[in-house]
Amino acid sequence: MNHDQALALVRDVLTEIVPDADFTVIGPDGDYRAALELDSLDVLNLVERLSERAGCRIDEDDYPRLTTLTGSAALLAERT
């Protein structure tokens, strides 16, 4: 999976969790967890869906990288 595919996957999954997510306001390096007001269950749901769809393991140590679109896409692109 390349960076653009990973970015699309992150956006798709976030849109499933927060249907009205506006990524133009957040930006690629903005903290989407704060901007979309994701709680801990939302984050766990995000991790599970990303892991399943990308076919890679995401450990708790990786969670800090899952705060921005850029960081999340980079993580997935590295693992797949």
N, C-alpha and C. Protein backbone atom coordinates (compact mmCIF):
# COMPACT_ATOMS: atom_id res chain seq x y z
N MET A 1 0.85 -1.17 0.00
CA MET A 1 0.00 0.00 0.00
C MET A 1 0.90 1.23 0.00
N ASN A 2 0.63 2.14 -0.91
CA ASN A 2 1.42 3.37 -0.93
C ASN A 2 0.77 4.43 -0.03
N HIS A 3 1.43 5.56 0.09
CA HIS A 3 0.96 6.60 1.00
C HIS A 3 -0.44 7.10 0.64
N ASP A 4 -0.70 7.32 -0.64
CA ASP A 4 -2.01 7.83 -1.06
C ASP A 4 -3.12 6.83 -0.77
N GLN A 5 -2.86 5.55 -0.98
CA GLN A 5 -3.85 4.52 -0.67
C GLN A 5 -4.10 4.45 0.84
N ALA A 6 -3.04 4.56 1.61
CA ALA A 6 -3.16 4.53 3.06
C ALA A 6 -3.94 5.75 3.55
N LEU A 7 -3.67 6.90 2.97
CA LEU A 7 -4.39 8.12 3.35
C LEU A 7 -5.88 7.99 3.03
N ALA A 8 -6.20 7.44 1.88
CA ALA A 8 -7.60 7.22 1.51
C ALA A 8 -8.28 6.26 2.49
N LEU A 9 -7.57 5.23 2.90
CA LEU A 9 -8.12 4.27 3.85
C LEU A 9 -8.40 4.94 5.19
N VAL A 10 -7.47 5.75 5.68
CA VAL A 10 -7.67 6.45 6.95
C VAL A 10 -8.88 7.37 6.86
N ARG A 11 -8.99 8.11 5.78
CA ARG A 11 -10.15 9.00 5.61
C ARG A 11 -11.46 8.22 5.55
N ASP A 12 -11.45 7.10 4.82
CA ASP A 12 -12.67 6.28 4.72
C ASP A 12 -13.11 5.77 6.09
N VAL A 13 -12.16 5.25 6.85
CA VAL A 13 -12.49 4.71 8.17
C VAL A 13 -12.96 5.82 9.10
N LEU A 14 -12.29 6.95 9.08
CA LEU A 14 -12.72 8.07 9.92
C LEU A 14 -14.12 8.54 9.55
N THR A 15 -14.43 8.53 8.26
CA THR A 15 -15.76 8.95 7.80
C THR A 15 -16.83 7.97 8.26
N GLU A 16 -16.48 6.69 8.38
CA GLU A 16 -17.42 5.71 8.92
C GLU A 16 -17.71 5.98 10.39
N ILE A 17 -16.69 6.40 11.12
CA ILE A 17 -16.84 6.66 12.55
C ILE A 17 -17.49 8.02 12.80
N VAL A 18 -17.08 9.02 12.01
CA VAL A 18 -17.63 10.38 12.12
C VAL A 18 -18.10 10.79 10.72
N PRO A 19 -19.35 10.48 10.39
CA PRO A 19 -19.84 10.71 9.02
C PRO A 19 -19.69 12.14 8.49
N ASP A 20 -19.72 13.13 9.35
CA ASP A 20 -19.62 14.52 8.88
C ASP A 20 -18.21 15.08 9.03
N ALA A 21 -17.20 14.23 9.06
CA ALA A 21 -15.81 14.68 9.21
C ALA A 21 -15.42 15.58 8.05
N ASP A 22 -14.87 16.74 8.37
CA ASP A 22 -14.42 17.71 7.36
C ASP A 22 -12.90 17.77 7.40
N PHE A 23 -12.26 17.07 6.47
CA PHE A 23 -10.81 16.99 6.46
C PHE A 23 -10.13 18.26 5.98
N THR A 24 -10.87 19.15 5.32
CA THR A 24 -10.28 20.41 4.89
C THR A 24 -9.99 21.31 6.08
N VAL A 25 -10.77 21.16 7.13
CA VAL A 25 -10.57 21.95 8.34
C VAL A 25 -9.41 21.39 9.17
N ILE A 26 -9.29 20.08 9.16
CA ILE A 26 -8.27 19.42 9.98
C ILE A 26 -6.88 19.57 9.36
N GLY A 27 -6.77 19.32 8.08
CA GLY A 27 -5.47 19.38 7.42
C GLY A 27 -4.68 18.09 7.65
N PRO A 28 -3.64 17.88 6.85
CA PRO A 28 -2.88 16.63 6.92
C PRO A 28 -2.09 16.43 8.21
N ASP A 29 -1.71 17.52 8.87
CA ASP A 29 -0.90 17.41 10.08
C ASP A 29 -1.63 17.87 11.33
N GLY A 30 -2.93 18.10 11.20
CA GLY A 30 -3.73 18.48 12.36
C GLY A 30 -4.13 17.25 13.17
N ASP A 31 -4.38 17.43 14.43
CA ASP A 31 -4.77 16.34 15.31
C ASP A 31 -6.24 16.00 15.08
N TYR A 32 -6.48 14.97 14.27
CA TYR A 32 -7.87 14.64 13.94
C TYR A 32 -8.62 14.06 15.13
N ARG A 33 -7.92 13.44 16.06
CA ARG A 33 -8.64 12.87 17.22
C ARG A 33 -9.28 13.99 18.04
N ALA A 34 -8.56 15.07 18.21
CA ALA A 34 -9.11 16.21 18.95
C ALA A 34 -10.16 16.94 18.11
N ALA A 35 -9.85 17.18 16.84
CA ALA A 35 -10.76 17.93 15.98
C ALA A 35 -12.10 17.22 15.79
N LEU A 36 -12.08 15.89 15.72
CA LEU A 36 -13.30 15.12 15.53
C LEU A 36 -13.90 14.64 16.85
N GLU A 37 -13.25 15.04 17.95
CA GLU A 37 -13.70 14.69 19.30
C GLU A 37 -13.90 13.18 19.48
N LEU A 38 -12.87 12.42 19.04
CA LEU A 38 -12.93 10.97 19.19
C LEU A 38 -12.66 10.59 20.64
N ASP A 39 -13.50 9.72 21.17
CA ASP A 39 -13.25 9.22 22.52
C ASP A 39 -12.43 7.93 22.42
N SER A 40 -12.13 7.33 23.55
CA SER A 40 -11.27 6.16 23.55
C SER A 40 -11.88 4.98 22.79
N LEU A 41 -13.18 4.83 22.83
CA LEU A 41 -13.83 3.76 22.08
C LEU A 41 -13.76 4.02 20.58
N ASP A 42 -13.88 5.28 20.18
CA ASP A 42 -13.74 5.63 18.77
C ASP A 42 -12.33 5.30 18.28
N VAL A 43 -11.34 5.61 19.10
CA VAL A 43 -9.94 5.35 18.71
C VAL A 43 -9.71 3.86 18.60
N LEU A 44 -10.24 3.08 19.53
CA LEU A 44 -10.10 1.63 19.45
C LEU A 44 -10.78 1.09 18.20
N ASN A 45 -11.95 1.61 17.89
CA ASN A 45 -12.67 1.22 16.67
C ASN A 45 -11.84 1.56 15.43
N LEU A 46 -11.25 2.74 15.43
CA LEU A 46 -10.39 3.17 14.33
C LEU A 46 -9.22 2.21 14.15
N VAL A 47 -8.55 1.89 15.23
CA VAL A 47 -7.39 1.00 15.17
C VAL A 47 -7.80 -0.38 14.64
N GLU A 48 -8.88 -0.91 15.14
CA GLU A 48 -9.34 -2.23 14.70
C GLU A 48 -9.68 -2.24 13.22
N ARG A 49 -10.39 -1.23 12.76
CA ARG A 49 -10.77 -1.17 11.34
C ARG A 49 -9.55 -0.98 10.44
N LEU A 50 -8.66 -0.08 10.84
CA LEU A 50 -7.46 0.14 10.02
C LEU A 50 -6.61 -1.14 9.95
N SER A 51 -6.44 -1.78 11.08
CA SER A 51 -5.65 -3.00 11.14
C SER A 51 -6.25 -4.08 10.25
N GLU A 52 -7.55 -4.26 10.34
CA GLU A 52 -8.24 -5.29 9.56
C GLU A 52 -8.14 -5.01 8.06
N ARG A 53 -8.43 -3.78 7.68
CA ARG A 53 -8.47 -3.45 6.25
C ARG A 53 -7.10 -3.35 5.62
N ALA A 54 -6.12 -2.93 6.39
CA ALA A 54 -4.75 -2.83 5.86
C ALA A 54 -4.03 -4.17 5.95
N GLY A 55 -4.54 -5.06 6.79
CA GLY A 55 -3.91 -6.35 6.95
C GLY A 55 -2.60 -6.28 7.71
N CYS A 56 -2.54 -5.38 8.67
CA CYS A 56 -1.31 -5.24 9.46
C CYS A 56 -1.67 -5.06 10.93
N ARG A 57 -0.72 -5.36 11.76
CA ARG A 57 -0.91 -5.21 13.20
C ARG A 57 -0.59 -3.78 13.62
N ILE A 58 -1.43 -3.21 14.46
CA ILE A 58 -1.18 -1.89 15.02
C ILE A 58 -1.17 -2.05 16.53
N ASP A 59 -0.01 -1.84 17.12
CA ASP A 59 0.16 -2.00 18.56
C ASP A 59 -0.13 -0.70 19.30
N GLU A 60 -0.32 -0.82 20.60
CA GLU A 60 -0.59 0.37 21.42
C GLU A 60 0.56 1.38 21.33
N ASP A 61 1.77 0.90 21.15
CA ASP A 61 2.92 1.80 21.00
C ASP A 61 2.81 2.66 19.74
N ASP A 62 2.00 2.23 18.78
CA ASP A 62 1.82 2.96 17.53
C ASP A 62 0.77 4.06 17.63
N TYR A 63 -0.03 4.04 18.68
CA TYR A 63 -1.14 4.99 18.79
C TYR A 63 -0.73 6.46 18.66
N PRO A 64 0.43 6.87 19.21
CA PRO A 64 0.81 8.28 19.04
C PRO A 64 0.96 8.71 17.57
N ARG A 65 1.26 7.76 16.70
CA ARG A 65 1.38 8.09 15.27
C ARG A 65 0.01 8.21 14.61
N LEU A 66 -1.01 7.77 15.30
CA LEU A 66 -2.36 7.80 14.75
C LEU A 66 -3.12 9.04 15.21
N THR A 67 -2.46 10.17 15.21
CA THR A 67 -3.14 11.41 15.60
C THR A 67 -3.33 12.35 14.41
N THR A 68 -2.54 12.16 13.36
CA THR A 68 -2.68 12.99 12.17
C THR A 68 -2.90 12.11 10.95
N LEU A 69 -3.46 12.68 9.91
CA LEU A 69 -3.65 11.93 8.67
C LEU A 69 -2.32 11.49 8.10
N THR A 70 -1.34 12.39 8.11
CA THR A 70 -0.01 12.08 7.57
C THR A 70 0.65 10.95 8.35
N GLY A 71 0.62 11.04 9.67
CA GLY A 71 1.24 10.01 10.51
C GLY A 71 0.57 8.66 10.36
N SER A 72 -0.75 8.67 10.30
CA SER A 72 -1.50 7.43 10.17
C SER A 72 -1.22 6.77 8.82
N ALA A 73 -1.22 7.56 7.76
CA ALA A 73 -0.94 7.02 6.43
C ALA A 73 0.48 6.48 6.35
N ALA A 74 1.42 7.19 6.95
CA ALA A 74 2.83 6.74 6.93
C ALA A 74 2.97 5.40 7.65
N LEU A 75 2.32 5.27 8.79
CA LEU A 75 2.37 4.02 9.53
C LEU A 75 1.83 2.86 8.70
N LEU A 76 0.66 3.05 8.11
CA LEU A 76 0.07 1.98 7.31
C LEU A 76 0.91 1.66 6.08
N ALA A 77 1.45 2.67 5.44
CA ALA A 77 2.28 2.44 4.25
C ALA A 77 3.54 1.65 4.60
N GLU A 78 4.10 1.90 5.77
CA GLU A 78 5.30 1.18 6.21
C GLU A 78 4.99 -0.29 6.51
N ARG A 79 3.81 -0.56 7.03
CA ARG A 79 3.47 -1.90 7.50
C ARG A 79 2.91 -2.81 6.41
N THR A 80 2.51 -2.24 5.30
CA THR A 80 1.89 -3.08 4.27
C THR A 80 2.75 -3.21 3.04
